[in-house]
Amino acid sequence: MQALVVYESMFGNTEQIARAIADGLAERCEVTLADVSTMPPALGTDLLVIGGPTHAFGMSRPSTRESAAQQGTVRPGATDVGIREYLDCSPLLPGIAAAAFDTRIDKPLLPGSAARRAQRQLRRLGCRIVLPAQSFLVRSSAGPLEVHEEKNARQWGATLAATVAATQPAT
């Protein structure tokens, strides 16, 4: 089973989560991990996993990425393109299994989720959503991740792989 994990990361926290998810998926899948700036094609994969930071209650936009860059040192190329643009220019992906995740600040009353918005867009593209959108917590905009979030991401990736494997036709 071929899995593609596409992530957007400003400060490296979402990348850490994406790597942990890829590790969990690798128990049952052949995994390609790709920064969104490479615009990897999703056609031909069995599972597409999309993730990015939550900015202004949803997926980042050029203005929110620029604002984040003003808060501290961001990864090279991080402000150029995000998962919003990736999904906006994607062809239809009928029947491809998909899931979405995000990173967000650990504040209970702070609304919004990049993962839920990405999941809606994946559905519009014809994807079959395998698990509900998942959030992983950071202590502040620039991080670091909350304790155990990498472990939680690895477990989520393994659960995602098992769920997709259970729904694949027998060969």
N, C-alpha and C. Protein backbone atom coordinates (compact mmCIF):
# COMPACT_ATOMS: atom_id res chain seq x y z
N MET A 1 0.85 -1.17 0.00
CA MET A 1 0.00 0.00 0.00
C MET A 1 0.90 1.24 0.00
N GLN A 2 0.61 2.18 -0.88
CA GLN A 2 1.38 3.41 -1.03
C GLN A 2 0.72 4.55 -0.26
N ALA A 3 1.48 5.19 0.63
CA ALA A 3 0.96 6.34 1.38
C ALA A 3 1.82 7.56 1.09
N LEU A 4 1.16 8.70 0.98
CA LEU A 4 1.83 9.98 0.78
C LEU A 4 1.44 10.90 1.93
N VAL A 5 2.43 11.39 2.66
CA VAL A 5 2.20 12.34 3.74
C VAL A 5 2.76 13.68 3.27
N VAL A 6 1.87 14.66 3.11
CA VAL A 6 2.24 16.00 2.66
C VAL A 6 2.04 16.95 3.84
N TYR A 7 3.08 17.70 4.17
CA TYR A 7 2.99 18.60 5.32
C TYR A 7 3.47 20.00 4.98
N GLU A 8 2.94 20.95 5.73
CA GLU A 8 3.37 22.35 5.71
C GLU A 8 3.88 22.63 7.11
N SER A 9 5.06 23.22 7.23
CA SER A 9 5.61 23.48 8.55
C SER A 9 6.40 24.78 8.54
N MET A 10 6.08 25.65 9.45
CA MET A 10 6.76 26.94 9.54
C MET A 10 8.01 26.84 10.43
N PHE A 11 7.84 26.28 11.63
CA PHE A 11 8.92 26.25 12.62
C PHE A 11 9.49 24.84 12.84
N GLY A 12 8.94 23.85 12.13
CA GLY A 12 9.45 22.49 12.25
C GLY A 12 8.58 21.56 13.09
N ASN A 13 7.60 22.10 13.81
CA ASN A 13 6.76 21.26 14.67
C ASN A 13 5.86 20.34 13.86
N THR A 14 5.23 20.87 12.83
CA THR A 14 4.34 20.05 12.00
C THR A 14 5.15 19.02 11.24
N GLU A 15 6.36 19.37 10.85
CA GLU A 15 7.23 18.39 10.20
C GLU A 15 7.54 17.23 11.15
N GLN A 16 7.83 17.53 12.42
CA GLN A 16 8.09 16.47 13.40
C GLN A 16 6.87 15.53 13.51
N ILE A 17 5.69 16.10 13.55
CA ILE A 17 4.46 15.30 13.63
C ILE A 17 4.31 14.47 12.36
N ALA A 18 4.54 15.07 11.20
CA ALA A 18 4.42 14.35 9.93
C ALA A 18 5.39 13.17 9.89
N ARG A 19 6.61 13.36 10.36
CA ARG A 19 7.59 12.27 10.39
C ARG A 19 7.13 11.15 11.31
N ALA A 20 6.57 11.51 12.46
CA ALA A 20 6.08 10.49 13.40
C ALA A 20 4.90 9.73 12.79
N ILE A 21 4.00 10.43 12.11
CA ILE A 21 2.87 9.78 11.44
C ILE A 21 3.40 8.82 10.38
N ALA A 22 4.39 9.28 9.61
CA ALA A 22 4.99 8.43 8.57
C ALA A 22 5.61 7.18 9.19
N ASP A 23 6.24 7.32 10.35
CA ASP A 23 6.80 6.16 11.05
C ASP A 23 5.70 5.16 11.41
N GLY A 24 4.58 5.67 11.91
CA GLY A 24 3.46 4.79 12.25
C GLY A 24 2.87 4.12 11.02
N LEU A 25 2.76 4.86 9.93
CA LEU A 25 2.24 4.29 8.68
C LEU A 25 3.17 3.22 8.12
N ALA A 26 4.47 3.40 8.33
CA ALA A 26 5.47 2.50 7.74
C ALA A 26 5.35 1.06 8.25
N GLU A 27 4.60 0.85 9.32
CA GLU A 27 4.37 -0.51 9.81
C GLU A 27 3.61 -1.34 8.78
N ARG A 28 2.80 -0.68 7.94
CA ARG A 28 1.98 -1.39 6.95
C ARG A 28 2.05 -0.82 5.55
N CYS A 29 2.69 0.33 5.38
CA CYS A 29 2.68 1.03 4.10
C CYS A 29 4.09 1.37 3.65
N GLU A 30 4.20 1.58 2.34
CA GLU A 30 5.39 2.22 1.80
C GLU A 30 5.06 3.71 1.81
N VAL A 31 5.85 4.51 2.51
CA VAL A 31 5.50 5.90 2.78
C VAL A 31 6.45 6.87 2.07
N THR A 32 5.86 7.88 1.46
CA THR A 32 6.61 9.01 0.94
C THR A 32 6.22 10.21 1.79
N LEU A 33 7.22 10.88 2.34
CA LEU A 33 7.01 12.08 3.15
C LEU A 33 7.46 13.27 2.33
N ALA A 34 6.60 14.27 2.17
CA ALA A 34 6.93 15.39 1.28
C ALA A 34 6.50 16.73 1.87
N ASP A 35 7.42 17.68 1.81
CA ASP A 35 7.09 19.06 2.14
C ASP A 35 6.15 19.57 1.06
N VAL A 36 5.14 20.32 1.44
CA VAL A 36 4.14 20.81 0.49
C VAL A 36 4.77 21.65 -0.62
N SER A 37 5.89 22.29 -0.34
CA SER A 37 6.52 23.14 -1.36
C SER A 37 6.98 22.35 -2.58
N THR A 38 7.13 21.03 -2.45
CA THR A 38 7.52 20.20 -3.59
C THR A 38 6.32 19.83 -4.46
N MET A 39 5.10 20.14 -3.99
CA MET A 39 3.86 19.86 -4.71
C MET A 39 3.81 18.43 -5.26
N PRO A 40 3.95 17.43 -4.39
CA PRO A 40 3.99 16.04 -4.86
C PRO A 40 2.63 15.60 -5.41
N PRO A 41 2.62 14.84 -6.50
CA PRO A 41 1.35 14.36 -7.05
C PRO A 41 0.75 13.27 -6.15
N ALA A 42 -0.54 13.34 -5.93
CA ALA A 42 -1.22 12.38 -5.07
C ALA A 42 -1.84 11.22 -5.86
N LEU A 43 -2.01 11.42 -7.17
CA LEU A 43 -2.58 10.35 -7.98
C LEU A 43 -1.67 9.12 -7.93
N GLY A 44 -2.29 7.96 -7.82
CA GLY A 44 -1.52 6.72 -7.75
C GLY A 44 -1.20 6.26 -6.35
N THR A 45 -1.55 7.06 -5.36
CA THR A 45 -1.33 6.63 -3.98
C THR A 45 -2.62 5.98 -3.46
N ASP A 46 -2.46 5.14 -2.46
CA ASP A 46 -3.61 4.50 -1.83
C ASP A 46 -4.13 5.33 -0.67
N LEU A 47 -3.23 6.13 -0.07
CA LEU A 47 -3.58 6.93 1.10
C LEU A 47 -2.87 8.27 1.01
N LEU A 48 -3.63 9.35 1.17
CA LEU A 48 -3.09 10.71 1.20
C LEU A 48 -3.34 11.29 2.59
N VAL A 49 -2.27 11.72 3.24
CA VAL A 49 -2.37 12.35 4.56
C VAL A 49 -1.83 13.76 4.41
N ILE A 50 -2.64 14.74 4.80
CA ILE A 50 -2.32 16.16 4.66
C ILE A 50 -2.25 16.79 6.05
N GLY A 51 -1.22 17.62 6.27
CA GLY A 51 -1.13 18.29 7.57
C GLY A 51 -0.47 19.64 7.50
N GLY A 52 -0.90 20.52 8.38
CA GLY A 52 -0.32 21.85 8.45
C GLY A 52 -0.67 22.52 9.77
N PRO A 53 -0.05 23.65 10.05
CA PRO A 53 -0.37 24.38 11.27
C PRO A 53 -1.70 25.11 11.14
N THR A 54 -2.36 25.28 12.26
CA THR A 54 -3.59 26.07 12.27
C THR A 54 -3.20 27.55 12.39
N HIS A 55 -3.65 28.33 11.42
CA HIS A 55 -3.41 29.78 11.40
C HIS A 55 -4.76 30.46 11.28
N ALA A 56 -5.02 31.41 12.13
CA ALA A 56 -6.25 32.21 12.03
C ALA A 56 -7.48 31.33 11.84
N PHE A 57 -7.61 30.32 12.68
CA PHE A 57 -8.79 29.43 12.74
C PHE A 57 -8.89 28.41 11.61
N GLY A 58 -7.88 28.29 10.75
CA GLY A 58 -7.96 27.33 9.65
C GLY A 58 -6.60 27.11 9.00
N MET A 59 -6.64 26.75 7.71
CA MET A 59 -5.40 26.55 6.96
C MET A 59 -4.71 27.90 6.73
N SER A 60 -3.40 27.84 6.64
CA SER A 60 -2.65 29.09 6.45
C SER A 60 -2.96 29.71 5.10
N ARG A 61 -2.70 31.00 5.03
CA ARG A 61 -2.79 31.78 3.80
C ARG A 61 -1.47 32.53 3.66
N PRO A 62 -1.17 33.09 2.50
CA PRO A 62 0.10 33.83 2.37
C PRO A 62 0.27 34.87 3.47
N SER A 63 -0.77 35.60 3.82
CA SER A 63 -0.65 36.64 4.84
C SER A 63 -0.37 36.06 6.23
N THR A 64 -0.97 34.92 6.57
CA THR A 64 -0.72 34.34 7.90
C THR A 64 0.67 33.70 7.96
N ARG A 65 1.14 33.20 6.82
CA ARG A 65 2.51 32.66 6.80
C ARG A 65 3.53 33.78 6.96
N GLU A 66 3.28 34.92 6.32
CA GLU A 66 4.18 36.07 6.48
C GLU A 66 4.16 36.57 7.92
N SER A 67 2.98 36.59 8.52
CA SER A 67 2.86 37.00 9.92
C SER A 67 3.63 36.05 10.84
N ALA A 68 3.56 34.75 10.57
CA ALA A 68 4.30 33.78 11.37
C ALA A 68 5.80 34.00 11.21
N ALA A 69 6.23 34.32 10.00
CA ALA A 69 7.65 34.55 9.76
C ALA A 69 8.17 35.74 10.56
N GLN A 70 7.29 36.70 10.84
CA GLN A 70 7.70 37.85 11.64
C GLN A 70 7.85 37.51 13.12
N GLN A 71 7.30 36.35 13.53
CA GLN A 71 7.38 35.93 14.93
C GLN A 71 8.70 35.23 15.26
N GLY A 72 9.41 34.78 14.25
CA GLY A 72 10.67 34.08 14.51
C GLY A 72 11.21 33.47 13.24
N THR A 73 12.30 32.76 13.38
CA THR A 73 12.95 32.15 12.25
C THR A 73 12.14 30.96 11.75
N VAL A 74 11.76 31.00 10.49
CA VAL A 74 10.99 29.91 9.90
C VAL A 74 11.88 29.12 8.94
N ARG A 75 11.44 27.93 8.61
CA ARG A 75 12.18 27.07 7.70
C ARG A 75 12.27 27.74 6.33
N PRO A 76 13.36 27.53 5.60
CA PRO A 76 13.47 28.11 4.24
C PRO A 76 12.31 27.67 3.35
N GLY A 77 11.72 28.61 2.64
CA GLY A 77 10.62 28.32 1.72
C GLY A 77 9.27 28.13 2.38
N ALA A 78 9.21 28.26 3.71
CA ALA A 78 7.97 27.97 4.44
C ALA A 78 6.83 28.94 4.12
N THR A 79 7.15 30.13 3.67
CA THR A 79 6.09 31.10 3.41
C THR A 79 5.57 31.04 1.98
N ASP A 80 6.21 30.25 1.12
CA ASP A 80 5.87 30.23 -0.31
C ASP A 80 4.52 29.59 -0.63
N VAL A 81 4.28 28.41 -0.10
CA VAL A 81 3.07 27.65 -0.44
C VAL A 81 2.65 26.84 0.78
N GLY A 82 1.34 26.62 0.91
CA GLY A 82 0.82 25.83 2.02
C GLY A 82 -0.14 24.77 1.54
N ILE A 83 -0.74 24.07 2.48
CA ILE A 83 -1.66 22.99 2.09
C ILE A 83 -2.92 23.54 1.42
N ARG A 84 -3.29 24.77 1.74
CA ARG A 84 -4.45 25.38 1.07
C ARG A 84 -4.21 25.44 -0.45
N GLU A 85 -3.06 25.95 -0.85
CA GLU A 85 -2.74 26.06 -2.27
C GLU A 85 -2.57 24.67 -2.90
N TYR A 86 -1.97 23.76 -2.16
CA TYR A 86 -1.80 22.39 -2.65
C TYR A 86 -3.15 21.76 -2.98
N LEU A 87 -4.08 21.87 -2.06
CA LEU A 87 -5.41 21.28 -2.27
C LEU A 87 -6.18 22.05 -3.35
N ASP A 88 -6.02 23.36 -3.40
CA ASP A 88 -6.73 24.16 -4.40
C ASP A 88 -6.34 23.79 -5.83
N CYS A 89 -5.10 23.37 -6.04
CA CYS A 89 -4.68 23.05 -7.41
C CYS A 89 -4.65 21.54 -7.67
N SER A 90 -5.13 20.75 -6.72
CA SER A 90 -5.15 19.29 -6.89
C SER A 90 -6.23 18.87 -7.89
N PRO A 91 -5.93 17.84 -8.68
CA PRO A 91 -7.00 17.27 -9.51
C PRO A 91 -7.96 16.49 -8.60
N LEU A 92 -9.08 16.09 -9.14
CA LEU A 92 -9.99 15.24 -8.37
C LEU A 92 -9.27 13.95 -8.01
N LEU A 93 -9.57 13.44 -6.82
CA LEU A 93 -8.91 12.24 -6.31
C LEU A 93 -9.97 11.23 -5.87
N PRO A 94 -10.83 10.80 -6.79
CA PRO A 94 -11.97 9.96 -6.41
C PRO A 94 -11.55 8.63 -5.78
N GLY A 95 -12.09 8.38 -4.59
CA GLY A 95 -11.90 7.10 -3.92
C GLY A 95 -10.60 6.94 -3.17
N ILE A 96 -9.67 7.88 -3.28
CA ILE A 96 -8.40 7.74 -2.54
C ILE A 96 -8.69 7.93 -1.05
N ALA A 97 -8.17 7.01 -0.24
CA ALA A 97 -8.30 7.13 1.22
C ALA A 97 -7.50 8.35 1.65
N ALA A 98 -8.03 9.10 2.62
CA ALA A 98 -7.36 10.33 3.04
C ALA A 98 -7.63 10.62 4.51
N ALA A 99 -6.72 11.41 5.07
CA ALA A 99 -6.87 11.90 6.45
C ALA A 99 -6.12 13.21 6.56
N ALA A 100 -6.48 14.01 7.56
CA ALA A 100 -5.84 15.31 7.75
C ALA A 100 -5.48 15.51 9.22
N PHE A 101 -4.38 16.22 9.43
CA PHE A 101 -3.94 16.55 10.78
C PHE A 101 -3.46 17.98 10.81
N ASP A 102 -3.37 18.53 12.00
CA ASP A 102 -2.79 19.86 12.16
C ASP A 102 -2.03 19.93 13.46
N THR A 103 -1.31 21.04 13.61
CA THR A 103 -0.72 21.40 14.89
C THR A 103 -1.41 22.69 15.30
N ARG A 104 -1.63 22.81 16.58
CA ARG A 104 -2.32 23.99 17.10
C ARG A 104 -1.87 24.26 18.52
N ILE A 105 -2.03 25.49 18.94
CA ILE A 105 -1.66 25.89 20.30
C ILE A 105 -2.60 25.22 21.28
N ASP A 106 -2.05 24.80 22.40
CA ASP A 106 -2.81 24.11 23.43
C ASP A 106 -3.58 25.12 24.29
N LYS A 107 -4.67 25.63 23.72
CA LYS A 107 -5.58 26.53 24.44
C LYS A 107 -6.99 26.03 24.18
N PRO A 108 -7.66 25.49 25.20
CA PRO A 108 -8.95 24.83 25.01
C PRO A 108 -10.03 25.67 24.33
N LEU A 109 -10.07 26.95 24.53
CA LEU A 109 -11.15 27.77 23.98
C LEU A 109 -10.79 28.41 22.64
N LEU A 110 -9.60 28.10 22.12
CA LEU A 110 -9.19 28.67 20.84
C LEU A 110 -9.84 27.86 19.72
N PRO A 111 -10.74 28.49 18.93
CA PRO A 111 -11.47 27.74 17.90
C PRO A 111 -10.65 27.56 16.63
N GLY A 112 -11.16 26.72 15.74
CA GLY A 112 -10.58 26.54 14.42
C GLY A 112 -9.63 25.37 14.35
N SER A 113 -9.50 24.85 13.13
CA SER A 113 -8.62 23.71 12.90
C SER A 113 -8.27 23.64 11.41
N ALA A 114 -6.98 23.67 11.11
CA ALA A 114 -6.55 23.49 9.73
C ALA A 114 -6.93 22.09 9.24
N ALA A 115 -6.87 21.10 10.13
CA ALA A 115 -7.18 19.72 9.73
C ALA A 115 -8.64 19.57 9.32
N ARG A 116 -9.54 20.17 10.05
CA ARG A 116 -10.96 20.05 9.68
C ARG A 116 -11.23 20.73 8.34
N ARG A 117 -10.60 21.87 8.10
CA ARG A 117 -10.77 22.56 6.81
C ARG A 117 -10.16 21.74 5.68
N ALA A 118 -8.99 21.17 5.92
CA ALA A 118 -8.34 20.34 4.90
C ALA A 118 -9.18 19.09 4.62
N GLN A 119 -9.75 18.52 5.67
CA GLN A 119 -10.59 17.33 5.49
C GLN A 119 -11.80 17.63 4.61
N ARG A 120 -12.42 18.79 4.81
CA ARG A 120 -13.55 19.18 3.95
C ARG A 120 -13.11 19.30 2.49
N GLN A 121 -11.93 19.88 2.28
CA GLN A 121 -11.42 20.03 0.92
C GLN A 121 -11.10 18.66 0.31
N LEU A 122 -10.53 17.76 1.09
CA LEU A 122 -10.25 16.40 0.60
C LEU A 122 -11.54 15.72 0.17
N ARG A 123 -12.59 15.89 0.96
CA ARG A 123 -13.89 15.32 0.63
C ARG A 123 -14.40 15.89 -0.70
N ARG A 124 -14.26 17.20 -0.89
CA ARG A 124 -14.68 17.84 -2.15
C ARG A 124 -13.91 17.30 -3.35
N LEU A 125 -12.68 16.87 -3.13
CA LEU A 125 -11.86 16.31 -4.20
C LEU A 125 -12.22 14.86 -4.50
N GLY A 126 -13.14 14.30 -3.70
CA GLY A 126 -13.58 12.93 -3.93
C GLY A 126 -12.91 11.89 -3.07
N CYS A 127 -12.07 12.33 -2.14
CA CYS A 127 -11.38 11.38 -1.26
C CYS A 127 -12.36 10.74 -0.28
N ARG A 128 -11.97 9.57 0.17
CA ARG A 128 -12.71 8.83 1.19
C ARG A 128 -11.99 9.07 2.52
N ILE A 129 -12.63 9.79 3.43
CA ILE A 129 -12.01 10.13 4.72
C ILE A 129 -12.01 8.88 5.61
N VAL A 130 -10.82 8.52 6.07
CA VAL A 130 -10.64 7.26 6.80
C VAL A 130 -10.79 7.45 8.30
N LEU A 131 -10.21 8.52 8.84
CA LEU A 131 -10.31 8.85 10.26
C LEU A 131 -10.65 10.33 10.40
N PRO A 132 -11.28 10.72 11.50
CA PRO A 132 -11.57 12.15 11.71
C PRO A 132 -10.28 12.97 11.76
N ALA A 133 -10.39 14.24 11.43
CA ALA A 133 -9.26 15.16 11.51
C ALA A 133 -8.67 15.11 12.92
N GLN A 134 -7.34 15.21 12.98
CA GLN A 134 -6.63 15.06 14.25
C GLN A 134 -5.74 16.27 14.50
N SER A 135 -5.78 16.80 15.71
CA SER A 135 -4.91 17.91 16.10
C SER A 135 -3.83 17.42 17.06
N PHE A 136 -2.62 17.96 16.89
CA PHE A 136 -1.50 17.70 17.78
C PHE A 136 -1.08 19.04 18.34
N LEU A 137 -0.73 19.07 19.62
CA LEU A 137 -0.58 20.33 20.33
C LEU A 137 0.85 20.82 20.44
N VAL A 138 0.99 22.15 20.32
CA VAL A 138 2.26 22.84 20.56
C VAL A 138 2.06 23.82 21.70
N ARG A 139 3.15 24.17 22.37
CA ARG A 139 3.06 25.07 23.52
C ARG A 139 2.86 26.53 23.10
N SER A 140 3.42 26.91 21.95
CA SER A 140 3.25 28.26 21.42
C SER A 140 3.35 28.18 19.91
N SER A 141 3.15 29.28 19.22
CA SER A 141 3.20 29.28 17.76
C SER A 141 4.48 28.66 17.22
N ALA A 142 5.59 28.97 17.86
CA ALA A 142 6.88 28.47 17.40
C ALA A 142 7.25 27.12 18.03
N GLY A 143 6.40 26.62 18.91
CA GLY A 143 6.67 25.33 19.56
C GLY A 143 7.28 25.54 20.92
N PRO A 144 7.73 24.49 21.51
CA PRO A 144 7.87 23.13 21.01
C PRO A 144 6.56 22.34 21.10
N LEU A 145 6.62 21.11 20.64
CA LEU A 145 5.46 20.21 20.78
C LEU A 145 5.21 19.92 22.24
N GLU A 146 3.96 19.69 22.58
CA GLU A 146 3.63 19.23 23.93
C GLU A 146 4.22 17.83 24.12
N VAL A 147 4.44 17.47 25.36
CA VAL A 147 4.99 16.16 25.71
C VAL A 147 4.09 15.07 25.14
N HIS A 148 4.67 14.03 24.61
CA HIS A 148 3.99 12.83 24.09
C HIS A 148 3.30 13.03 22.74
N GLU A 149 3.36 14.21 22.14
CA GLU A 149 2.64 14.40 20.87
C GLU A 149 3.28 13.60 19.73
N GLU A 150 4.60 13.46 19.72
CA GLU A 150 5.22 12.62 18.68
C GLU A 150 4.77 11.17 18.83
N LYS A 151 4.71 10.70 20.05
CA LYS A 151 4.24 9.33 20.31
C LYS A 151 2.78 9.19 19.87
N ASN A 152 1.96 10.18 20.19
CA ASN A 152 0.55 10.16 19.78
C ASN A 152 0.42 10.15 18.26
N ALA A 153 1.28 10.91 17.58
CA ALA A 153 1.25 10.97 16.12
C ALA A 153 1.65 9.62 15.52
N ARG A 154 2.65 8.98 16.09
CA ARG A 154 3.07 7.66 15.61
C ARG A 154 1.92 6.67 15.75
N GLN A 155 1.26 6.70 16.89
CA GLN A 155 0.11 5.80 17.13
C GLN A 155 -1.03 6.11 16.15
N TRP A 156 -1.30 7.38 15.90
CA TRP A 156 -2.35 7.76 14.96
C TRP A 156 -2.01 7.25 13.57
N GLY A 157 -0.74 7.37 13.18
CA GLY A 157 -0.31 6.85 11.89
C GLY A 157 -0.50 5.35 11.78
N ALA A 158 -0.17 4.62 12.83
CA ALA A 158 -0.35 3.16 12.83
C ALA A 158 -1.83 2.80 12.75
N THR A 159 -2.66 3.53 13.48
CA THR A 159 -4.11 3.29 13.44
C THR A 159 -4.66 3.60 12.06
N LEU A 160 -4.19 4.65 11.46
CA LEU A 160 -4.60 5.04 10.11
C LEU A 160 -4.25 3.93 9.11
N ALA A 161 -3.03 3.42 9.19
CA ALA A 161 -2.60 2.34 8.28
C ALA A 161 -3.45 1.09 8.48
N ALA A 162 -3.72 0.74 9.72
CA ALA A 162 -4.53 -0.45 10.00
C ALA A 162 -5.95 -0.28 9.49
N THR A 163 -6.50 0.92 9.65
CA THR A 163 -7.86 1.19 9.18
C THR A 163 -7.94 1.09 7.67
N VAL A 164 -6.98 1.65 6.97
CA VAL A 164 -6.97 1.59 5.50
C VAL A 164 -6.77 0.15 5.05
N ALA A 165 -5.85 -0.56 5.69
CA ALA A 165 -5.58 -1.95 5.32
C ALA A 165 -6.84 -2.82 5.48
N ALA A 166 -7.63 -2.54 6.50
CA ALA A 166 -8.84 -3.32 6.76
C ALA A 166 -9.91 -3.06 5.71
N THR A 167 -9.83 -1.91 5.02
CA THR A 167 -10.84 -1.57 4.02
C THR A 167 -10.39 -1.86 2.59
N GLN A 168 -9.11 -2.29 2.43
CA GLN A 168 -8.60 -2.60 1.09
C GLN A 168 -9.14 -3.95 0.63
N PRO A 169 -9.46 -4.10 -0.64
CA PRO A 169 -9.88 -5.38 -1.16
C PRO A 169 -8.76 -6.42 -1.05
N ALA A 170 -9.11 -7.64 -0.76
CA ALA A 170 -8.12 -8.72 -0.67
C ALA A 170 -7.54 -9.00 -2.05
N THR A 171 -6.23 -9.29 -2.08
CA THR A 171 -5.59 -9.57 -3.37
C THR A 171 -5.31 -11.05 -3.53
